[in-house]
Amino acid sequence: MQVVYEDNHIIVVSKDSGEIVQGDKTGDTPLSETVKEYIKEKYQKPGAVFLGVVHRLDRPVSGLVVFARTSKALARLNKMFSEGQVHKTYWAIVEKHSTTTPSNSFTTLEHWLTRNEQQNKAYAHTAEVRGAKKAVLRYRTLATGTNYNLMEVQLLTGRHHQIRCQLAAIGMPIKGDLKYGARRSNSDGSISLLAHRIEMVHPVSKQQMAFEAPLPKDQLWETLLNT
């Protein structure tokens, strides 16, 4: 975990792959508890520390997570996220597709997604089916390499495993994402998906803000960005 920004109302951290944002059945220490301990120690706070979780990232994904430090910020952030007022940009390293070239223009991708709870997996459909939710994102190719491309993705809806599922559905599974068709895993168990940038209005001060996550410590990221 790396703290990117903090004030009295919010704290923005960059999570490592493998960290869970909230507690689950594994019993592993979640990122939310790590952030609470950080606040408690830094500010020498007695008693319990308030921290509100407003969104999540999948465990193998790295990048930016915003937490609320006050109940006022939590209520307003929940509303902002639910109404699409928070703009999230992701970077993904995907298996190379022969038809993709670097471009300044975005392509809009629409699917209908269903979710299998037992498999913890989403499935993409080109037309509406029973129980499906519409999923929309925009993507463009930032760089191409020998075996992989670097993509920029902007989410227009927030569905379970949306980026992972939709990119795989068009033949571009994310590097390391075996669940969605990648050819091999990453050595550290991560997938090459980074919550790279968040743009939003501060929930209390109303100041326009933007945050960026540091790159994962992986040579391929640097190689593609320098292409």
Protein backbone atom coordinates (compact mmCIF):
# COMPACT_ATOMS: atom_id res chain seq x y z
CA MET A 1 0.00 0.00 0.00
CA GLN A 2 1.17 3.50 -0.85
CA VAL A 3 -0.63 6.65 0.24
CA VAL A 4 -1.24 8.93 -2.76
CA TYR A 5 -3.29 11.67 -1.06
CA GLU A 6 -4.89 12.36 2.32
CA ASP A 7 -6.77 15.11 4.12
CA ASN A 8 -9.32 15.28 6.92
CA HIS A 9 -12.11 13.79 4.80
CA ILE A 10 -10.59 11.33 2.31
CA ILE A 11 -7.53 9.16 1.82
CA VAL A 12 -6.45 7.75 -1.54
CA VAL A 13 -4.07 4.80 -1.61
CA SER A 14 -2.51 2.64 -4.30
CA LYS A 15 -3.10 -0.98 -3.45
CA ASP A 16 -0.80 -3.82 -4.37
CA SER A 17 -1.98 -6.86 -6.28
CA GLY A 18 -3.04 -9.54 -3.82
CA GLU A 19 -4.53 -7.15 -1.27
CA ILE A 20 -8.26 -7.31 -0.60
CA VAL A 21 -10.08 -4.03 -0.04
CA GLN A 22 -12.59 -5.42 2.48
CA GLY A 23 -12.54 -8.52 4.66
CA ASP A 24 -13.77 -11.78 3.13
CA LYS A 25 -13.98 -15.48 3.94
CA THR A 26 -10.20 -15.91 3.56
CA GLY A 27 -9.65 -14.08 6.82
CA ASP A 28 -6.73 -12.14 5.31
CA THR A 29 -6.13 -8.64 6.63
CA PRO A 30 -7.96 -6.25 4.29
CA LEU A 31 -6.60 -3.00 2.95
CA SER A 32 -9.24 -1.09 4.92
CA GLU A 33 -7.72 -2.34 8.18
CA THR A 34 -4.20 -1.51 7.02
CA VAL A 35 -5.31 2.05 6.24
CA LYS A 36 -7.00 2.34 9.64
CA GLU A 37 -3.78 1.31 11.36
CA TYR A 38 -1.84 3.83 9.28
CA ILE A 39 -4.20 6.65 10.33
CA LYS A 40 -4.22 5.55 13.96
CA GLU A 41 -0.43 5.52 14.19
CA LYS A 42 0.26 8.67 12.15
CA TYR A 43 -2.25 10.83 13.97
CA GLN A 44 -2.02 9.01 17.34
CA LYS A 45 -5.76 8.53 17.43
CA PRO A 46 -7.20 6.86 20.54
CA GLY A 47 -9.98 4.34 20.10
CA ALA A 48 -11.51 3.16 16.83
CA VAL A 49 -10.70 4.89 13.54
CA PHE A 50 -13.58 5.68 11.15
CA LEU A 51 -12.98 4.59 7.56
CA GLY A 52 -15.65 4.19 4.91
CA VAL A 53 -15.26 1.88 1.92
CA VAL A 54 -16.89 3.39 -1.18
CA HIS A 55 -15.59 1.14 -3.98
CA ARG A 56 -13.42 -1.93 -4.50
CA LEU A 57 -10.84 -3.47 -6.79
CA ASP A 58 -10.51 -7.17 -7.52
CA ARG A 59 -7.82 -8.85 -5.46
CA PRO A 60 -5.32 -9.42 -8.34
CA VAL A 61 -5.73 -5.82 -9.59
CA SER A 62 -3.48 -2.98 -8.42
CA GLY A 63 -4.04 0.75 -8.29
CA LEU A 64 -6.10 3.52 -6.74
CA VAL A 65 -8.69 3.08 -4.00
CA VAL A 66 -10.53 6.00 -2.35
CA PHE A 67 -11.65 5.76 1.28
CA ALA A 68 -13.76 8.20 3.31
CA ARG A 69 -12.43 9.44 6.64
CA THR A 70 -15.68 11.09 7.77
CA SER A 71 -19.35 10.14 7.60
CA LYS A 72 -20.07 13.30 5.59
CA ALA A 73 -17.50 12.32 2.96
CA LEU A 74 -18.75 8.73 2.92
CA ALA A 75 -22.36 9.70 2.16
CA ARG A 76 -21.32 12.10 -0.58
CA LEU A 77 -18.78 9.72 -2.15
CA ASN A 78 -21.33 6.90 -2.21
CA LYS A 79 -23.70 9.19 -4.12
CA MET A 80 -20.94 10.33 -6.49
CA PHE A 81 -19.84 6.79 -7.32
CA SER A 82 -23.41 5.54 -7.80
CA GLU A 83 -24.25 8.45 -10.12
CA GLY A 84 -21.09 8.09 -12.22
CA GLN A 85 -19.55 11.38 -11.10
CA VAL A 86 -16.18 9.74 -10.39
CA HIS A 87 -14.15 9.12 -13.55
CA LYS A 88 -11.86 6.08 -13.45
CA THR A 89 -9.19 5.25 -16.02
CA TYR A 90 -7.46 1.88 -16.14
CA TRP A 91 -4.37 0.66 -17.93
CA ALA A 92 -4.21 -2.99 -18.98
CA ILE A 93 -1.58 -5.13 -20.64
CA VAL A 94 -3.46 -7.51 -22.92
CA GLU A 95 -2.49 -10.36 -25.19
CA LYS A 96 -1.73 -8.90 -28.59
CA HIS A 97 -4.51 -8.71 -31.13
CA SER A 98 -3.38 -8.47 -34.75
CA THR A 99 -5.86 -5.72 -35.64
CA THR A 100 -4.93 -3.22 -32.91
CA THR A 101 -2.63 -0.23 -33.46
CA PRO A 102 -1.90 2.81 -31.25
CA SER A 103 -4.67 5.37 -31.54
CA ASN A 104 -5.80 8.64 -29.99
CA SER A 105 -9.45 7.73 -30.52
CA PHE A 106 -11.51 5.49 -28.28
CA THR A 107 -13.68 2.54 -29.27
CA THR A 108 -16.89 1.98 -27.30
CA LEU A 109 -17.56 -1.59 -26.23
CA GLU A 110 -21.02 -2.76 -25.12
CA HIS A 111 -22.06 -6.14 -23.77
CA TRP A 112 -24.68 -7.65 -21.53
CA LEU A 113 -23.01 -9.40 -18.58
CA THR A 114 -24.30 -12.27 -16.50
CA ARG A 115 -22.59 -13.45 -13.33
CA ASN A 116 -21.96 -16.98 -12.08
CA GLU A 117 -21.67 -16.70 -8.30
CA GLN A 118 -20.23 -20.19 -7.83
CA GLN A 119 -17.45 -19.56 -10.35
CA ASN A 120 -17.06 -15.90 -9.33
CA LYS A 121 -16.99 -15.10 -13.03
CA ALA A 122 -18.84 -12.88 -15.50
CA TYR A 123 -19.96 -13.84 -19.00
CA ALA A 124 -20.39 -11.42 -21.90
CA HIS A 125 -23.35 -11.53 -24.30
CA THR A 126 -23.83 -9.45 -27.42
CA ALA A 127 -27.58 -9.13 -26.81
CA GLU A 128 -29.71 -8.82 -23.69
CA VAL A 129 -30.44 -12.08 -21.90
CA ARG A 130 -32.35 -12.81 -18.73
CA GLY A 131 -30.60 -11.52 -15.63
CA ALA A 132 -27.94 -9.64 -17.57
CA LYS A 133 -26.73 -6.11 -16.87
CA LYS A 134 -25.57 -3.74 -19.57
CA ALA A 135 -21.83 -3.04 -19.49
CA VAL A 136 -20.19 -0.18 -21.39
CA LEU A 137 -16.55 0.89 -21.56
CA ARG A 138 -14.26 2.80 -23.92
CA TYR A 139 -10.78 1.66 -24.84
CA ARG A 140 -7.83 2.64 -26.99
CA THR A 141 -4.40 1.17 -27.67
CA LEU A 142 -1.55 3.16 -26.13
CA ALA A 143 1.37 0.98 -27.28
CA THR A 144 2.09 -2.32 -28.99
CA GLY A 145 4.86 -4.78 -28.22
CA THR A 146 5.96 -8.14 -29.53
CA ASN A 147 3.40 -10.21 -27.62
CA TYR A 148 1.33 -7.67 -25.69
CA ASN A 149 -0.45 -4.35 -26.11
CA LEU A 150 -0.97 -1.60 -23.55
CA MET A 151 -4.58 -0.44 -23.43
CA GLU A 152 -6.31 2.49 -21.76
CA VAL A 153 -9.83 1.76 -20.53
CA GLN A 154 -12.50 4.13 -19.26
CA LEU A 155 -15.42 2.56 -17.42
CA LEU A 156 -18.87 3.94 -18.18
CA THR A 157 -20.65 1.36 -16.01
CA GLY A 158 -19.44 -0.59 -13.00
CA ARG A 159 -20.07 -4.33 -13.36
CA HIS A 160 -18.45 -7.37 -11.76
CA HIS A 161 -15.15 -8.15 -13.54
CA GLN A 162 -16.29 -5.84 -16.33
CA ILE A 163 -12.94 -4.91 -17.90
CA ARG A 164 -11.58 -8.43 -17.56
CA CYS A 165 -14.67 -10.00 -19.12
CA GLN A 166 -15.26 -7.51 -21.93
CA LEU A 167 -11.66 -7.38 -23.16
CA ALA A 168 -11.48 -11.18 -23.13
CA ALA A 169 -14.72 -11.30 -25.13
CA ILE A 170 -13.06 -9.45 -28.02
CA GLY A 171 -9.94 -11.61 -27.98
CA MET A 172 -7.74 -9.50 -25.70
CA PRO A 173 -7.52 -11.21 -22.30
CA ILE A 174 -5.49 -9.35 -19.69
CA LYS A 175 -1.99 -10.73 -19.12
CA GLY A 176 -2.01 -13.22 -16.26
CA ASP A 177 -5.80 -13.49 -16.06
CA LEU A 178 -6.27 -17.25 -16.37
CA LYS A 179 -9.93 -16.98 -15.37
CA TYR A 180 -10.64 -15.04 -18.56
CA GLY A 181 -8.46 -16.91 -21.01
CA ALA A 182 -4.89 -15.67 -20.56
CA ARG A 183 -2.34 -18.19 -21.81
CA ARG A 184 -0.22 -18.15 -18.65
CA SER A 185 -0.23 -16.69 -15.17
CA ASN A 186 1.95 -13.90 -13.83
CA SER A 187 4.63 -15.14 -11.45
CA ASP A 188 3.23 -13.12 -8.52
CA GLY A 189 -0.40 -14.14 -9.10
CA SER A 190 -1.38 -10.68 -10.28
CA ILE A 191 -3.18 -9.70 -13.45
CA SER A 192 -1.79 -6.80 -15.48
CA LEU A 193 -4.64 -4.39 -14.78
CA LEU A 194 -3.97 -1.08 -13.04
CA ALA A 195 -6.53 1.41 -11.70
CA HIS A 196 -4.36 4.19 -13.04
CA ARG A 197 -6.24 7.48 -12.60
CA ILE A 198 -9.24 8.86 -10.70
CA GLU A 199 -10.78 12.26 -11.39
CA MET A 200 -13.46 13.68 -9.13
CA VAL A 201 -14.72 16.68 -7.21
CA HIS A 202 -13.71 16.60 -3.55
CA PRO A 203 -16.83 15.57 -1.60
CA VAL A 204 -16.45 18.41 0.94
CA SER A 205 -14.24 21.19 -0.46
CA LYS A 206 -15.70 20.77 -3.99
CA GLN A 207 -12.23 21.18 -5.48
CA GLN A 208 -11.54 19.33 -8.74
CA MET A 209 -8.99 16.61 -8.06
CA ALA A 210 -7.06 13.98 -10.01
CA PHE A 211 -4.88 11.16 -8.71
CA GLU A 212 -2.54 8.73 -10.46
CA ALA A 213 -1.16 5.40 -9.27
CA PRO A 214 2.50 4.43 -9.56
CA LEU A 215 3.28 1.73 -12.10
CA PRO A 216 3.65 -1.87 -10.92
CA LYS A 217 7.27 -2.93 -10.47
CA ASP A 218 7.40 -4.89 -13.70
CA GLN A 219 9.74 -4.33 -16.65
CA LEU A 220 7.01 -4.96 -19.23
CA TRP A 221 5.02 -1.93 -18.06
CA GLU A 222 8.03 0.33 -18.52
CA THR A 223 8.95 -1.24 -21.86
CA LEU A 224 5.47 -0.70 -23.33
CA LEU A 225 5.22 2.84 -22.00
CA ASN A 226 8.56 3.68 -23.57
CA THR A 227 7.59 2.21 -26.93
